[in-house]
N, C-alpha and C. Protein backbone atom coordinates (compact mmCIF):
# COMPACT_ATOMS: atom_id res chain seq x y z
N MET A 1 121.05 83.98 106.26
CA MET A 1 119.48 83.25 106.68
C MET A 1 118.40 84.10 106.13
N SER A 2 117.53 83.06 105.83
CA SER A 2 116.21 83.64 105.34
C SER A 2 115.50 84.39 105.70
N GLU A 3 114.88 85.38 104.75
CA GLU A 3 113.86 86.55 105.47
C GLU A 3 112.71 85.22 105.74
N ALA A 4 112.23 85.88 106.96
CA ALA A 4 110.56 85.27 107.31
C ALA A 4 109.37 85.36 106.64
N ILE A 5 108.84 84.36 106.53
CA ILE A 5 107.61 84.22 105.42
C ILE A 5 106.47 84.98 105.97
N ARG A 6 105.91 86.01 105.45
CA ARG A 6 105.28 86.63 105.58
C ARG A 6 103.81 86.27 105.45
N LYS A 7 102.95 85.94 106.65
CA LYS A 7 101.52 85.41 106.12
C LYS A 7 100.58 86.49 106.68
N CYS A 8 99.44 85.69 105.78
CA CYS A 8 97.96 86.67 106.05
C CYS A 8 97.50 86.64 107.71
N ASN A 9 97.07 87.58 108.01
CA ASN A 9 97.27 87.67 109.73
C ASN A 9 95.58 87.10 109.73
N SER A 10 94.86 86.83 108.63
CA SER A 10 92.97 86.37 108.71
C SER A 10 93.17 84.94 108.66
N CYS A 11 94.10 84.63 107.65
CA CYS A 11 93.84 83.23 107.36
C CYS A 11 95.25 82.17 107.60
N GLY A 12 96.29 82.97 107.48
CA GLY A 12 97.56 82.33 107.81
C GLY A 12 98.21 81.64 106.37
N ILE A 13 97.91 82.19 105.24
CA ILE A 13 98.76 81.80 104.34
C ILE A 13 99.78 82.67 103.78
N PRO A 14 100.75 82.27 102.99
CA PRO A 14 101.59 83.16 102.59
C PRO A 14 101.38 83.97 101.92
N LEU A 15 101.68 85.38 102.02
CA LEU A 15 101.77 86.43 101.14
C LEU A 15 102.16 86.72 100.04
N LYS A 16 101.30 85.47 98.74
CA LYS A 16 102.24 85.76 97.53
C LYS A 16 101.32 86.24 96.41
N ASP A 17 100.06 86.15 96.55
CA ASP A 17 99.46 87.06 95.26
C ASP A 17 99.21 88.24 94.93
N GLU A 18 99.31 88.52 93.95
CA GLU A 18 99.03 89.98 93.49
C GLU A 18 98.28 91.05 94.26
N LYS A 19 97.29 90.70 94.97
CA LYS A 19 96.45 91.30 95.65
C LYS A 19 96.71 91.32 97.22
N ALA A 20 97.77 90.93 97.65
CA ALA A 20 98.41 90.80 98.97
C ALA A 20 98.97 92.14 99.41
N VAL A 21 98.95 92.99 100.39
CA VAL A 21 98.96 93.68 101.11
C VAL A 21 99.59 93.65 102.85
N GLU A 22 100.21 94.71 103.00
CA GLU A 22 101.38 94.47 104.14
C GLU A 22 101.27 96.01 104.75
N PHE A 23 100.60 95.88 105.96
CA PHE A 23 100.56 97.62 106.40
C PHE A 23 100.56 97.75 108.11
N ASN A 24 101.25 98.74 108.70
CA ASN A 24 101.20 98.81 110.03
C ASN A 24 99.86 99.12 110.63
N CYS A 25 99.54 98.55 111.62
CA CYS A 25 98.11 98.75 112.25
C CYS A 25 97.56 99.89 112.54
N PRO A 26 96.41 100.30 112.05
CA PRO A 26 95.76 101.42 112.06
C PRO A 26 95.57 101.86 113.35
N SER A 27 95.55 101.21 114.39
CA SER A 27 95.70 101.75 115.62
C SER A 27 96.70 101.90 116.71
N CYS A 28 97.62 101.17 116.38
CA CYS A 28 98.75 101.39 117.34
C CYS A 28 100.05 101.93 116.37
N GLY A 29 100.13 101.26 115.15
CA GLY A 29 101.12 102.01 114.19
C GLY A 29 102.38 100.59 114.49
N ASN A 30 102.38 99.63 115.49
CA ASN A 30 103.52 98.88 116.15
C ASN A 30 103.70 97.62 115.28
N MET A 31 102.46 97.01 114.68
CA MET A 31 102.55 95.66 114.22
C MET A 31 102.23 95.71 112.96
N SER A 32 102.97 94.95 112.29
CA SER A 32 103.13 95.02 110.55
C SER A 32 101.46 94.11 110.44
N ILE A 33 100.70 94.26 109.67
CA ILE A 33 99.52 93.44 109.50
C ILE A 33 99.66 92.79 107.86
N GLY A 34 99.24 91.70 107.82
CA GLY A 34 99.46 91.29 106.18
C GLY A 34 98.15 90.82 105.91
N ARG A 35 97.58 90.68 104.62
CA ARG A 35 96.49 90.40 103.96
C ARG A 35 96.38 89.81 103.11
N CYS A 36 96.08 88.45 102.48
CA CYS A 36 96.20 88.13 101.51
C CYS A 36 94.49 88.49 100.43
N GLY A 37 94.80 88.74 99.16
CA GLY A 37 93.85 89.16 98.01
C GLY A 37 92.38 88.67 98.74
N HIS A 38 92.69 87.06 99.16
CA HIS A 38 91.32 86.40 98.93
C HIS A 38 90.57 87.25 100.07
N CYS A 39 91.02 87.38 101.77
CA CYS A 39 90.72 87.89 102.76
C CYS A 39 90.32 88.97 102.78
N ARG A 40 91.08 89.84 101.98
CA ARG A 40 90.62 91.14 101.48
C ARG A 40 89.21 91.67 100.85
N ASP A 41 89.15 90.58 99.77
CA ASP A 41 88.15 90.64 98.93
C ASP A 41 86.71 90.11 99.99
N GLN A 42 86.88 89.31 100.83
CA GLN A 42 85.97 88.96 101.67
C GLN A 42 85.75 89.43 102.66
N SER A 43 86.44 90.99 103.16
CA SER A 43 86.53 91.43 104.21
C SER A 43 86.49 90.77 105.74
N ALA A 44 87.49 89.62 105.62
CA ALA A 44 87.92 88.68 106.71
C ALA A 44 88.27 89.64 107.45
N LYS A 45 88.06 89.51 109.07
CA LYS A 45 88.63 90.62 110.25
C LYS A 45 90.29 90.10 110.41
N TYR A 46 90.56 90.74 110.96
CA TYR A 46 92.38 90.60 111.35
C TYR A 46 92.41 91.38 112.87
N HIS A 47 93.52 90.86 113.38
CA HIS A 47 93.89 91.14 114.75
C HIS A 47 95.33 91.59 114.79
N CYS A 48 95.44 92.63 115.88
CA CYS A 48 96.48 93.24 116.07
C CYS A 48 96.86 92.49 117.30
N SER A 49 97.91 91.89 117.23
CA SER A 49 98.32 91.14 118.46
C SER A 49 99.00 92.10 119.61
N GLN A 50 99.36 93.19 119.11
CA GLN A 50 99.90 94.03 120.44
C GLN A 50 98.89 95.04 120.69
N CYS A 51 98.01 95.48 120.30
CA CYS A 51 97.19 96.59 120.89
C CYS A 51 95.51 95.93 120.83
N GLY A 52 95.23 94.86 120.18
CA GLY A 52 93.97 94.41 120.17
C GLY A 52 92.99 94.71 119.17
N PHE A 53 93.56 95.67 118.16
CA PHE A 53 92.49 96.20 117.07
C PHE A 53 92.06 95.28 116.67
N ILE A 54 91.04 95.24 115.88
CA ILE A 54 89.90 94.20 115.00
C ILE A 54 90.06 95.16 114.07
N GLY A 55 90.06 94.55 112.56
CA GLY A 55 89.47 95.12 111.50
C GLY A 55 88.89 94.43 110.69
N PRO A 56 88.28 94.42 109.70
CA PRO A 56 88.91 95.70 108.65
C PRO A 56 88.05 96.98 108.77
């Protein structure tokens, strides 16, 4: 079985670039948040589907 493809929570592209990061939601700590380098540079908002937290 293959590993699930991790995607950016903001734009949905696969997390492949060097600047991509993955971290737990800063509010609830339960959901994994993925961010591509482009969305990080642009400070694009992301959303935790579990607790509703909106960042950056």
